[in-house]
Amino acid sequence: MTSDRETVDLARTPDDDLRTTEGRDNLAQAIVNRLLTRQGELSALGHPRYGSRLHELVGEVNNLRIQGKAARYIRECLEQERRIAKVTAVSFAPPDRLEFRSELRVRVDVLPVNDDQEISIIIPLVL
């Protein structure tokens, strides 16, 4: 699974350091990073379960079976994020044109812990 991670903010501060995010924005970034990291990729750093299995779908075609697998992998992955109370929805835009058959356009809605307002994230994932 690949992505250009365009939803990750790498803005710089005036002193040329990376700008950090807080609160809901930080959680949104953490979700994107967790989903786009291959599960096991951070094992050497002591985090063998961090990441998702979405990379296992590389080479597949966007169809209902693959969307079902992707939804399962996303939910499994986000169960590990302690700041999420519940994944409320995982949905996919239909592959309305032939060129989108190799891309999953996924929307993930989560309810953060101690918050009553959902966070929605849209991520394009290239198969």
N, C-alpha and C. Protein backbone atom coordinates (compact mmCIF):
# COMPACT_ATOMS: atom_id res chain seq x y z
N MET A 1 0.86 -1.17 0.00
CA MET A 1 0.00 0.00 0.00
C MET A 1 0.89 1.22 0.00
N THR A 2 0.62 2.14 -0.84
CA THR A 2 1.42 3.35 -0.89
C THR A 2 0.51 4.57 -0.81
N SER A 3 1.10 5.66 -0.40
CA SER A 3 0.39 6.93 -0.35
C SER A 3 1.44 8.03 -0.31
N ASP A 4 1.07 9.20 -0.75
CA ASP A 4 2.02 10.30 -0.66
C ASP A 4 1.90 11.00 0.69
N ARG A 5 1.08 10.49 1.56
CA ARG A 5 0.87 11.02 2.91
C ARG A 5 0.57 12.51 2.91
N GLU A 6 -0.21 12.92 1.93
CA GLU A 6 -0.53 14.34 1.82
C GLU A 6 -1.34 14.84 3.00
N THR A 7 -1.93 13.93 3.79
CA THR A 7 -2.70 14.36 4.95
C THR A 7 -1.82 14.56 6.18
N VAL A 8 -0.53 14.29 6.06
CA VAL A 8 0.40 14.49 7.17
C VAL A 8 1.02 15.87 7.04
N ASP A 9 0.92 16.66 8.09
CA ASP A 9 1.40 18.03 8.09
C ASP A 9 2.87 18.06 8.50
N LEU A 10 3.75 18.46 7.58
CA LEU A 10 5.17 18.59 7.88
C LEU A 10 5.61 20.04 7.79
N ALA A 11 4.77 20.93 8.28
CA ALA A 11 5.09 22.35 8.26
C ALA A 11 6.25 22.64 9.23
N ARG A 12 6.97 23.68 8.94
CA ARG A 12 8.12 24.05 9.76
C ARG A 12 7.80 25.28 10.59
N THR A 13 8.48 25.37 11.73
CA THR A 13 8.36 26.54 12.60
C THR A 13 9.30 27.63 12.09
N PRO A 14 9.18 28.85 12.59
CA PRO A 14 10.09 29.92 12.17
C PRO A 14 11.57 29.61 12.40
N ASP A 15 11.89 28.79 13.40
CA ASP A 15 13.30 28.44 13.66
C ASP A 15 13.71 27.16 12.92
N ASP A 16 12.94 26.79 11.88
CA ASP A 16 13.25 25.68 10.97
C ASP A 16 13.18 24.30 11.62
N ASP A 17 12.36 24.17 12.63
CA ASP A 17 12.10 22.87 13.24
C ASP A 17 10.76 22.37 12.69
N LEU A 18 10.48 21.10 12.86
CA LEU A 18 9.18 20.59 12.44
C LEU A 18 8.11 21.05 13.42
N ARG A 19 7.00 21.53 12.87
CA ARG A 19 5.89 21.97 13.71
C ARG A 19 5.16 20.74 14.24
N THR A 20 4.81 20.76 15.50
CA THR A 20 4.06 19.64 16.08
C THR A 20 2.58 19.99 16.13
N THR A 21 1.76 18.96 16.20
CA THR A 21 0.32 19.15 16.32
C THR A 21 -0.13 18.64 17.68
N GLU A 22 -1.30 19.05 18.07
CA GLU A 22 -1.84 18.64 19.36
C GLU A 22 -3.29 18.22 19.19
N GLY A 23 -3.82 17.57 20.21
CA GLY A 23 -5.23 17.25 20.27
C GLY A 23 -5.73 16.43 19.10
N ARG A 24 -6.84 16.86 18.52
CA ARG A 24 -7.50 16.12 17.44
C ARG A 24 -6.62 16.03 16.19
N ASP A 25 -5.89 17.11 15.88
CA ASP A 25 -5.01 17.09 14.73
C ASP A 25 -3.90 16.05 14.91
N ASN A 26 -3.38 15.95 16.13
CA ASN A 26 -2.34 14.97 16.40
C ASN A 26 -2.88 13.56 16.26
N LEU A 27 -4.09 13.33 16.74
CA LEU A 27 -4.70 12.00 16.60
C LEU A 27 -4.93 11.66 15.13
N ALA A 28 -5.39 12.63 14.35
CA ALA A 28 -5.60 12.39 12.92
C ALA A 28 -4.28 12.00 12.25
N GLN A 29 -3.20 12.70 12.56
CA GLN A 29 -1.88 12.34 12.01
C GLN A 29 -1.47 10.95 12.45
N ALA A 30 -1.68 10.64 13.72
CA ALA A 30 -1.29 9.34 14.25
C ALA A 30 -2.05 8.21 13.54
N ILE A 31 -3.31 8.44 13.23
CA ILE A 31 -4.12 7.44 12.52
C ILE A 31 -3.54 7.20 11.13
N VAL A 32 -3.27 8.27 10.41
CA VAL A 32 -2.72 8.14 9.06
C VAL A 32 -1.38 7.40 9.12
N ASN A 33 -0.50 7.81 10.02
CA ASN A 33 0.81 7.17 10.12
C ASN A 33 0.70 5.70 10.49
N ARG A 34 -0.19 5.38 11.40
CA ARG A 34 -0.37 3.98 11.82
C ARG A 34 -0.87 3.14 10.65
N LEU A 35 -1.83 3.67 9.89
CA LEU A 35 -2.39 2.92 8.77
C LEU A 35 -1.39 2.74 7.63
N LEU A 36 -0.53 3.72 7.41
CA LEU A 36 0.40 3.66 6.28
C LEU A 36 1.73 3.00 6.62
N THR A 37 1.90 2.59 7.87
CA THR A 37 3.12 1.88 8.27
C THR A 37 2.82 0.38 8.22
N ARG A 38 3.71 -0.38 7.62
CA ARG A 38 3.53 -1.83 7.55
C ARG A 38 3.64 -2.43 8.95
N GLN A 39 2.70 -3.26 9.31
CA GLN A 39 2.76 -3.92 10.62
C GLN A 39 4.06 -4.71 10.70
N GLY A 40 4.80 -4.52 11.77
CA GLY A 40 6.08 -5.20 11.97
C GLY A 40 7.27 -4.36 11.55
N GLU A 41 7.04 -3.29 10.82
CA GLU A 41 8.13 -2.45 10.33
C GLU A 41 8.93 -1.81 11.47
N LEU A 42 8.30 -1.60 12.61
CA LEU A 42 8.98 -0.97 13.74
C LEU A 42 9.37 -1.98 14.82
N SER A 43 9.45 -3.25 14.46
CA SER A 43 9.81 -4.30 15.43
C SER A 43 11.16 -4.03 16.07
N ALA A 44 12.13 -3.61 15.29
CA ALA A 44 13.47 -3.36 15.82
C ALA A 44 13.48 -2.25 16.86
N LEU A 45 12.45 -1.41 16.84
CA LEU A 45 12.34 -0.32 17.81
C LEU A 45 11.46 -0.70 18.99
N GLY A 46 11.04 -1.97 19.04
CA GLY A 46 10.24 -2.44 20.16
C GLY A 46 8.74 -2.31 19.97
N HIS A 47 8.30 -2.11 18.73
CA HIS A 47 6.86 -1.96 18.45
C HIS A 47 6.44 -2.94 17.35
N PRO A 48 6.46 -4.24 17.63
CA PRO A 48 6.18 -5.23 16.58
C PRO A 48 4.75 -5.21 16.06
N ARG A 49 3.79 -4.73 16.82
CA ARG A 49 2.39 -4.74 16.38
C ARG A 49 1.96 -3.42 15.76
N TYR A 50 2.82 -2.39 15.84
CA TYR A 50 2.46 -1.08 15.30
C TYR A 50 2.31 -1.19 13.78
N GLY A 51 1.31 -0.52 13.25
CA GLY A 51 1.09 -0.50 11.81
C GLY A 51 -0.10 -1.34 11.40
N SER A 52 -0.27 -1.42 10.09
CA SER A 52 -1.43 -2.15 9.54
C SER A 52 -0.97 -3.22 8.55
N ARG A 53 -1.93 -4.03 8.15
CA ARG A 53 -1.68 -5.07 7.15
C ARG A 53 -2.13 -4.62 5.75
N LEU A 54 -2.42 -3.34 5.57
CA LEU A 54 -2.90 -2.85 4.29
C LEU A 54 -1.93 -3.13 3.15
N HIS A 55 -0.64 -3.19 3.45
CA HIS A 55 0.35 -3.46 2.41
C HIS A 55 0.15 -4.83 1.76
N GLU A 56 -0.55 -5.73 2.44
CA GLU A 56 -0.83 -7.06 1.88
C GLU A 56 -1.77 -7.00 0.68
N LEU A 57 -2.40 -5.85 0.48
CA LEU A 57 -3.36 -5.70 -0.62
C LEU A 57 -2.73 -5.14 -1.89
N VAL A 58 -1.44 -4.87 -1.86
CA VAL A 58 -0.76 -4.36 -3.05
C VAL A 58 -0.91 -5.35 -4.19
N GLY A 59 -1.27 -4.85 -5.36
CA GLY A 59 -1.46 -5.68 -6.54
C GLY A 59 -2.88 -6.16 -6.74
N GLU A 60 -3.75 -5.91 -5.78
CA GLU A 60 -5.15 -6.31 -5.89
C GLU A 60 -5.93 -5.24 -6.65
N VAL A 61 -7.15 -5.58 -7.02
CA VAL A 61 -8.04 -4.64 -7.71
C VAL A 61 -9.12 -4.19 -6.73
N ASN A 62 -9.47 -2.93 -6.78
CA ASN A 62 -10.50 -2.38 -5.90
C ASN A 62 -11.84 -3.02 -6.23
N ASN A 63 -12.30 -3.90 -5.34
CA ASN A 63 -13.62 -4.52 -5.46
C ASN A 63 -14.16 -4.74 -4.06
N LEU A 64 -15.36 -5.27 -3.94
CA LEU A 64 -15.99 -5.44 -2.63
C LEU A 64 -15.20 -6.36 -1.71
N ARG A 65 -14.61 -7.40 -2.26
CA ARG A 65 -13.82 -8.34 -1.45
C ARG A 65 -12.60 -7.63 -0.85
N ILE A 66 -11.90 -6.86 -1.66
CA ILE A 66 -10.72 -6.14 -1.18
C ILE A 66 -11.12 -5.04 -0.21
N GLN A 67 -12.22 -4.37 -0.47
CA GLN A 67 -12.70 -3.35 0.46
C GLN A 67 -13.02 -3.97 1.82
N GLY A 68 -13.60 -5.17 1.81
CA GLY A 68 -13.89 -5.86 3.06
C GLY A 68 -12.63 -6.20 3.83
N LYS A 69 -11.62 -6.70 3.11
CA LYS A 69 -10.33 -6.99 3.75
C LYS A 69 -9.71 -5.72 4.31
N ALA A 70 -9.71 -4.66 3.51
CA ALA A 70 -9.13 -3.39 3.94
C ALA A 70 -9.83 -2.87 5.18
N ALA A 71 -11.15 -2.95 5.21
CA ALA A 71 -11.90 -2.49 6.39
C ALA A 71 -11.51 -3.28 7.62
N ARG A 72 -11.35 -4.60 7.47
CA ARG A 72 -10.94 -5.45 8.60
C ARG A 72 -9.53 -5.05 9.06
N TYR A 73 -8.61 -4.86 8.13
CA TYR A 73 -7.24 -4.48 8.48
C TYR A 73 -7.20 -3.11 9.17
N ILE A 74 -8.02 -2.18 8.70
CA ILE A 74 -8.08 -0.85 9.31
C ILE A 74 -8.60 -0.93 10.73
N ARG A 75 -9.69 -1.68 10.93
CA ARG A 75 -10.25 -1.81 12.28
C ARG A 75 -9.27 -2.50 13.22
N GLU A 76 -8.62 -3.57 12.76
CA GLU A 76 -7.62 -4.26 13.59
C GLU A 76 -6.50 -3.30 14.00
N CYS A 77 -6.05 -2.53 13.05
CA CYS A 77 -4.96 -1.60 13.30
C CYS A 77 -5.35 -0.53 14.31
N LEU A 78 -6.52 0.06 14.14
CA LEU A 78 -6.92 1.18 14.98
C LEU A 78 -7.37 0.75 16.36
N GLU A 79 -7.64 -0.55 16.56
CA GLU A 79 -7.94 -1.05 17.90
C GLU A 79 -6.76 -0.84 18.84
N GLN A 80 -5.56 -0.73 18.29
CA GLN A 80 -4.35 -0.56 19.08
C GLN A 80 -4.15 0.88 19.56
N GLU A 81 -4.83 1.83 18.93
CA GLU A 81 -4.65 3.24 19.28
C GLU A 81 -5.49 3.56 20.52
N ARG A 82 -4.82 3.79 21.64
CA ARG A 82 -5.51 3.98 22.92
C ARG A 82 -6.32 5.27 23.00
N ARG A 83 -6.10 6.19 22.06
CA ARG A 83 -6.86 7.44 22.07
C ARG A 83 -8.17 7.34 21.30
N ILE A 84 -8.45 6.17 20.73
CA ILE A 84 -9.70 5.96 20.00
C ILE A 84 -10.64 5.13 20.85
N ALA A 85 -11.83 5.67 21.11
CA ALA A 85 -12.84 4.92 21.85
C ALA A 85 -13.53 3.92 20.94
N LYS A 86 -13.76 4.33 19.68
CA LYS A 86 -14.50 3.48 18.75
C LYS A 86 -14.25 3.91 17.31
N VAL A 87 -14.07 2.93 16.44
CA VAL A 87 -14.08 3.20 15.00
C VAL A 87 -15.54 3.12 14.60
N THR A 88 -16.13 4.24 14.23
CA THR A 88 -17.57 4.26 13.97
C THR A 88 -17.92 3.89 12.55
N ALA A 89 -16.98 4.10 11.60
CA ALA A 89 -17.26 3.74 10.20
C ALA A 89 -15.97 3.64 9.40
N VAL A 90 -15.99 2.71 8.47
CA VAL A 90 -14.95 2.60 7.44
C VAL A 90 -15.71 2.45 6.14
N SER A 91 -15.52 3.38 5.21
CA SER A 91 -16.24 3.32 3.94
C SER A 91 -15.30 3.64 2.78
N PHE A 92 -15.75 3.25 1.60
CA PHE A 92 -14.92 3.41 0.40
C PHE A 92 -15.71 4.09 -0.69
N ALA A 93 -15.05 5.02 -1.38
CA ALA A 93 -15.66 5.62 -2.56
C ALA A 93 -15.66 4.57 -3.66
N PRO A 94 -16.70 4.51 -4.46
CA PRO A 94 -16.73 3.50 -5.54
C PRO A 94 -15.67 3.81 -6.59
N PRO A 95 -15.11 2.76 -7.19
CA PRO A 95 -14.15 2.99 -8.28
C PRO A 95 -14.91 3.39 -9.54
N ASP A 96 -15.31 4.67 -9.61
CA ASP A 96 -16.21 5.13 -10.66
C ASP A 96 -15.57 5.23 -12.04
N ARG A 97 -14.27 5.19 -12.09
CA ARG A 97 -13.59 5.19 -13.39
C ARG A 97 -12.55 4.08 -13.37
N LEU A 98 -12.22 3.57 -14.52
CA LEU A 98 -11.28 2.46 -14.64
C LEU A 98 -9.96 2.73 -13.95
N GLU A 99 -9.45 3.96 -14.04
CA GLU A 99 -8.15 4.26 -13.43
C GLU A 99 -8.18 4.20 -11.91
N PHE A 100 -9.37 4.23 -11.29
CA PHE A 100 -9.48 4.14 -9.84
C PHE A 100 -9.58 2.70 -9.34
N ARG A 101 -9.52 1.73 -10.26
CA ARG A 101 -9.61 0.33 -9.83
C ARG A 101 -8.36 -0.13 -9.10
N SER A 102 -7.28 0.66 -9.17
CA SER A 102 -6.06 0.31 -8.45
C SER A 102 -5.84 1.24 -7.25
N GLU A 103 -6.90 1.90 -6.82
CA GLU A 103 -6.82 2.81 -5.68
C GLU A 103 -8.03 2.63 -4.78
N LEU A 104 -7.80 2.60 -3.49
CA LEU A 104 -8.88 2.62 -2.51
C LEU A 104 -8.96 4.03 -1.94
N ARG A 105 -10.10 4.64 -2.07
CA ARG A 105 -10.31 5.94 -1.44
C ARG A 105 -11.16 5.68 -0.20
N VAL A 106 -10.49 5.63 0.94
CA VAL A 106 -11.13 5.20 2.18
C VAL A 106 -11.42 6.39 3.09
N ARG A 107 -12.56 6.31 3.74
CA ARG A 107 -12.93 7.28 4.78
C ARG A 107 -13.05 6.51 6.08
N VAL A 108 -12.36 7.02 7.10
CA VAL A 108 -12.38 6.40 8.42
C VAL A 108 -12.95 7.43 9.39
N ASP A 109 -13.97 7.03 10.14
CA ASP A 109 -14.57 7.87 11.17
C ASP A 109 -14.30 7.22 12.51
N VAL A 110 -13.73 8.01 13.43
CA VAL A 110 -13.44 7.49 14.76
C VAL A 110 -13.98 8.44 15.82
N LEU A 111 -14.28 7.86 16.97
CA LEU A 111 -14.70 8.65 18.12
C LEU A 111 -13.54 8.62 19.11
N PRO A 112 -12.91 9.78 19.34
CA PRO A 112 -11.80 9.81 20.29
C PRO A 112 -12.27 9.57 21.72
N VAL A 113 -11.37 9.08 22.55
CA VAL A 113 -11.65 8.90 23.97
C VAL A 113 -11.94 10.28 24.57
N ASN A 114 -12.91 10.36 25.46
CA ASN A 114 -13.27 11.61 26.15
C ASN A 114 -13.65 12.74 25.20
N ASP A 115 -14.31 12.39 24.11
CA ASP A 115 -14.74 13.38 23.13
C ASP A 115 -16.04 12.88 22.53
N ASP A 116 -16.98 13.77 22.27
CA ASP A 116 -18.25 13.33 21.69
C ASP A 116 -18.36 13.72 20.21
N GLN A 117 -17.27 14.23 19.64
CA GLN A 117 -17.27 14.62 18.24
C GLN A 117 -16.30 13.72 17.46
N GLU A 118 -16.82 13.12 16.39
CA GLU A 118 -16.00 12.21 15.58
C GLU A 118 -14.93 12.96 14.80
N ILE A 119 -13.91 12.21 14.44
CA ILE A 119 -12.88 12.68 13.51
C ILE A 119 -13.05 11.85 12.24
N SER A 120 -13.09 12.50 11.09
CA SER A 120 -13.19 11.82 9.80
C SER A 120 -11.92 12.07 9.02
N ILE A 121 -11.36 11.00 8.47
CA ILE A 121 -10.14 11.09 7.69
C ILE A 121 -10.36 10.39 6.35
N ILE A 122 -9.96 11.04 5.29
CA ILE A 122 -10.04 10.43 3.95
C ILE A 122 -8.62 10.18 3.48
N ILE A 123 -8.33 8.93 3.11
CA ILE A 123 -6.98 8.55 2.69
C ILE A 123 -7.05 7.82 1.37
N PRO A 124 -6.33 8.30 0.35
CA PRO A 124 -6.23 7.51 -0.89
C PRO A 124 -5.10 6.50 -0.74
N LEU A 125 -5.39 5.23 -1.02
CA LEU A 125 -4.40 4.17 -0.90
C LEU A 125 -4.23 3.51 -2.25
N VAL A 126 -3.03 3.52 -2.76
CA VAL A 126 -2.74 2.92 -4.06
C VAL A 126 -2.45 1.44 -3.85
N LEU A 127 -3.17 0.59 -4.59
CA LEU A 127 -2.98 -0.85 -4.46
C LEU A 127 -1.80 -1.32 -5.29
